[in-house]
């Protein structure tokens, strides 16, 4: 992965040689909550805005991408991935760390149901049906 640009504020999706600034997930920085969590390895590259769930049984303590709409509930919703992470290597290292947005205003156009096309999956639609989650289609944000 390319290096970060350092102490410079650049526009989202701006490419400067081998430096790449990912799409911004946050619609507003007002009142958001973020936490570092451990992602299960072997899930491939998880792009910005991937909806995540808590792992169960053998994956307890880890966070996984939401597999489908039926697999996403109020109880297992873990948050939304803040920056892209490559979890491809299954055992080297065994897991990856990532920042997860636990609450706040995020851009609906960046949220990805199960790591695929932005805002175009049944998982994203299921997210906005959960209690406490609100989508404003006029302004383009999801608040949870």
Protein backbone atom coordinates (compact mmCIF):
# COMPACT_ATOMS: atom_id res chain seq x y z
CA UNK A 1 0.00 0.00 0.00
CA UNK A 2 1.25 3.49 -0.78
CA UNK A 3 2.48 5.80 1.95
CA UNK A 4 0.37 8.49 3.55
CA UNK A 5 1.13 12.08 2.46
CA UNK A 6 2.22 13.16 5.94
CA UNK A 7 1.20 16.42 7.55
CA UNK A 8 -0.78 17.61 4.52
CA UNK A 9 -4.52 17.87 4.01
CA UNK A 10 -5.38 16.63 0.54
CA UNK A 11 -8.68 16.17 -1.26
CA UNK A 12 -10.32 12.71 -1.15
CA UNK A 13 -9.32 10.43 -4.06
CA UNK A 14 -6.37 12.69 -4.95
CA UNK A 15 -3.45 10.74 -6.44
CA UNK A 16 0.06 12.17 -5.88
CA UNK A 17 2.51 9.76 -7.47
CA UNK A 18 2.55 6.66 -5.28
CA UNK A 19 0.50 8.38 -2.56
CA UNK A 20 -3.23 7.75 -2.53
CA UNK A 21 -5.86 9.38 -0.33
CA UNK A 22 -8.92 7.11 0.07
CA UNK A 23 -12.49 8.28 -0.17
CA UNK A 24 -13.67 10.01 3.01
CA UNK A 25 -16.25 7.99 4.93
CA UNK A 26 -17.25 10.64 7.44
CA UNK A 27 -20.08 13.02 6.51
CA UNK A 28 -19.45 15.00 9.70
CA UNK A 29 -16.87 14.76 12.48
CA UNK A 30 -19.44 16.08 14.99
CA UNK A 31 -20.10 13.50 17.70
CA UNK A 32 -18.61 10.44 16.00
CA UNK A 33 -17.18 7.46 17.89
CA UNK A 34 -14.33 5.34 16.54
CA UNK A 35 -12.49 2.37 18.04
CA UNK A 36 -9.61 0.17 17.01
CA UNK A 37 -10.66 -3.47 16.47
CA UNK A 38 -9.11 -6.66 15.13
CA UNK A 39 -10.32 -7.95 11.75
CA UNK A 40 -10.36 -11.64 10.89
CA UNK A 41 -7.73 -12.44 8.27
CA UNK A 42 -8.47 -14.10 4.93
CA UNK A 43 -11.40 -11.85 3.95
CA UNK A 44 -9.57 -10.15 1.09
CA UNK A 45 -9.30 -6.38 0.77
CA UNK A 46 -12.04 -4.62 2.71
CA UNK A 47 -12.68 -1.17 1.23
CA UNK A 48 -13.63 1.99 3.09
CA UNK A 49 -17.24 1.83 4.31
CA UNK A 50 -17.57 -1.95 4.64
CA UNK A 51 -20.30 -2.88 7.14
CA UNK A 52 -18.87 -5.13 9.86
CA UNK A 53 -20.29 -7.61 12.36
CA UNK A 54 -18.98 -9.23 15.55
CA UNK A 55 -17.50 -12.69 15.17
CA UNK A 56 -19.03 -15.68 16.97
CA UNK A 57 -17.73 -19.00 18.34
CA UNK A 58 -14.30 -19.54 16.70
CA UNK A 59 -14.09 -15.89 15.62
CA UNK A 60 -15.08 -14.42 19.01
CA UNK A 61 -13.36 -11.11 19.63
CA UNK A 62 -12.77 -10.52 15.91
CA UNK A 63 -14.72 -8.38 13.45
CA UNK A 64 -15.88 -9.71 10.05
CA UNK A 65 -17.53 -8.18 7.00
CA UNK A 66 -21.29 -8.63 6.96
CA UNK A 67 -21.92 -11.69 4.75
CA UNK A 68 -25.48 -10.90 3.65
CA UNK A 69 -28.59 -9.03 4.76
CA UNK A 70 -29.88 -11.97 6.80
CA UNK A 71 -26.60 -12.08 8.74
CA UNK A 72 -26.86 -8.45 9.91
CA UNK A 73 -28.82 -7.76 13.08
CA UNK A 74 -28.92 -5.07 15.74
CA UNK A 75 -27.11 -7.45 18.11
CA UNK A 76 -24.15 -8.30 15.85
CA UNK A 77 -23.62 -4.94 14.04
CA UNK A 78 -20.06 -3.88 14.93
CA UNK A 79 -19.69 -0.67 12.92
CA UNK A 80 -18.35 0.61 9.60
CA UNK A 81 -14.74 0.33 8.43
CA UNK A 82 -13.02 3.76 8.42
CA UNK A 83 -10.02 2.95 6.15
CA UNK A 84 -9.40 0.14 3.66
CA UNK A 85 -7.55 -2.91 5.02
CA UNK A 86 -6.03 -5.87 3.17
CA UNK A 87 -6.77 -9.02 5.18
CA UNK A 88 -5.70 -11.40 2.40
CA UNK A 89 -2.71 -13.05 4.05
CA UNK A 90 -4.31 -15.84 6.13
CA UNK A 91 -1.54 -16.43 8.68
CA UNK A 92 1.03 -13.67 8.31
CA UNK A 93 0.10 -11.89 10.55
CA UNK A 94 -2.95 -13.79 11.79
CA UNK A 95 -5.21 -10.72 12.04
CA UNK A 96 -5.25 -7.04 11.03
CA UNK A 97 -6.05 -3.97 13.09
CA UNK A 98 -8.48 -1.35 11.83
CA UNK A 99 -10.45 1.70 12.92
CA UNK A 100 -14.18 1.06 13.11
CA UNK A 101 -16.78 3.85 13.25
CA UNK A 102 -19.21 2.92 16.03
CA UNK A 103 -21.51 5.90 15.64
CA UNK A 104 -21.88 9.22 13.87
CA UNK A 105 -22.69 10.63 10.45
CA UNK A 106 -21.23 8.72 7.47
CA UNK A 107 -21.62 9.30 3.73
CA UNK A 108 -24.25 6.94 2.35
CA UNK A 109 -22.47 6.88 -1.02
CA UNK A 110 -19.33 5.36 0.56
CA UNK A 111 -20.99 2.70 2.75
CA UNK A 112 -20.59 -0.79 1.26
CA UNK A 113 -22.83 -3.63 2.27
CA UNK A 114 -20.38 -6.52 2.13
CA UNK A 115 -17.28 -4.93 0.65
CA UNK A 116 -18.66 -4.65 -2.89
CA UNK A 117 -20.23 -1.74 -4.77
CA UNK A 118 -20.87 1.37 -2.65
CA UNK A 119 -24.42 1.71 -1.31
CA UNK A 120 -25.85 -0.87 -3.72
CA UNK A 121 -26.43 -4.00 -1.68
CA UNK A 122 -29.19 -5.49 0.43
CA UNK A 123 -26.85 -5.35 3.44
CA UNK A 124 -26.73 -1.54 3.26
CA UNK A 125 -30.53 -1.44 2.99
CA UNK A 126 -30.79 -3.76 6.00
CA UNK A 127 -28.48 -1.46 7.98
CA UNK A 128 -30.89 1.45 7.69
CA UNK A 129 -33.76 -0.72 8.99
CA UNK A 130 -31.99 -1.36 12.30
CA UNK A 131 -33.20 0.55 15.33
CA UNK A 132 -31.33 3.81 15.85
CA UNK A 133 -30.05 4.02 12.26
CA UNK A 134 -31.36 6.85 10.10
CA UNK A 135 -30.68 7.60 6.43
CA UNK A 136 -31.19 11.03 4.87
CA UNK A 137 -31.36 10.51 1.11
CA UNK A 138 -31.57 14.26 0.40
CA UNK A 139 -28.29 15.10 2.09
CA UNK A 140 -26.69 11.68 1.52
CA UNK A 141 -25.78 10.50 5.01
CA UNK A 142 -26.46 7.62 7.38
CA UNK A 143 -26.60 8.40 11.12
CA UNK A 144 -26.27 5.67 13.72
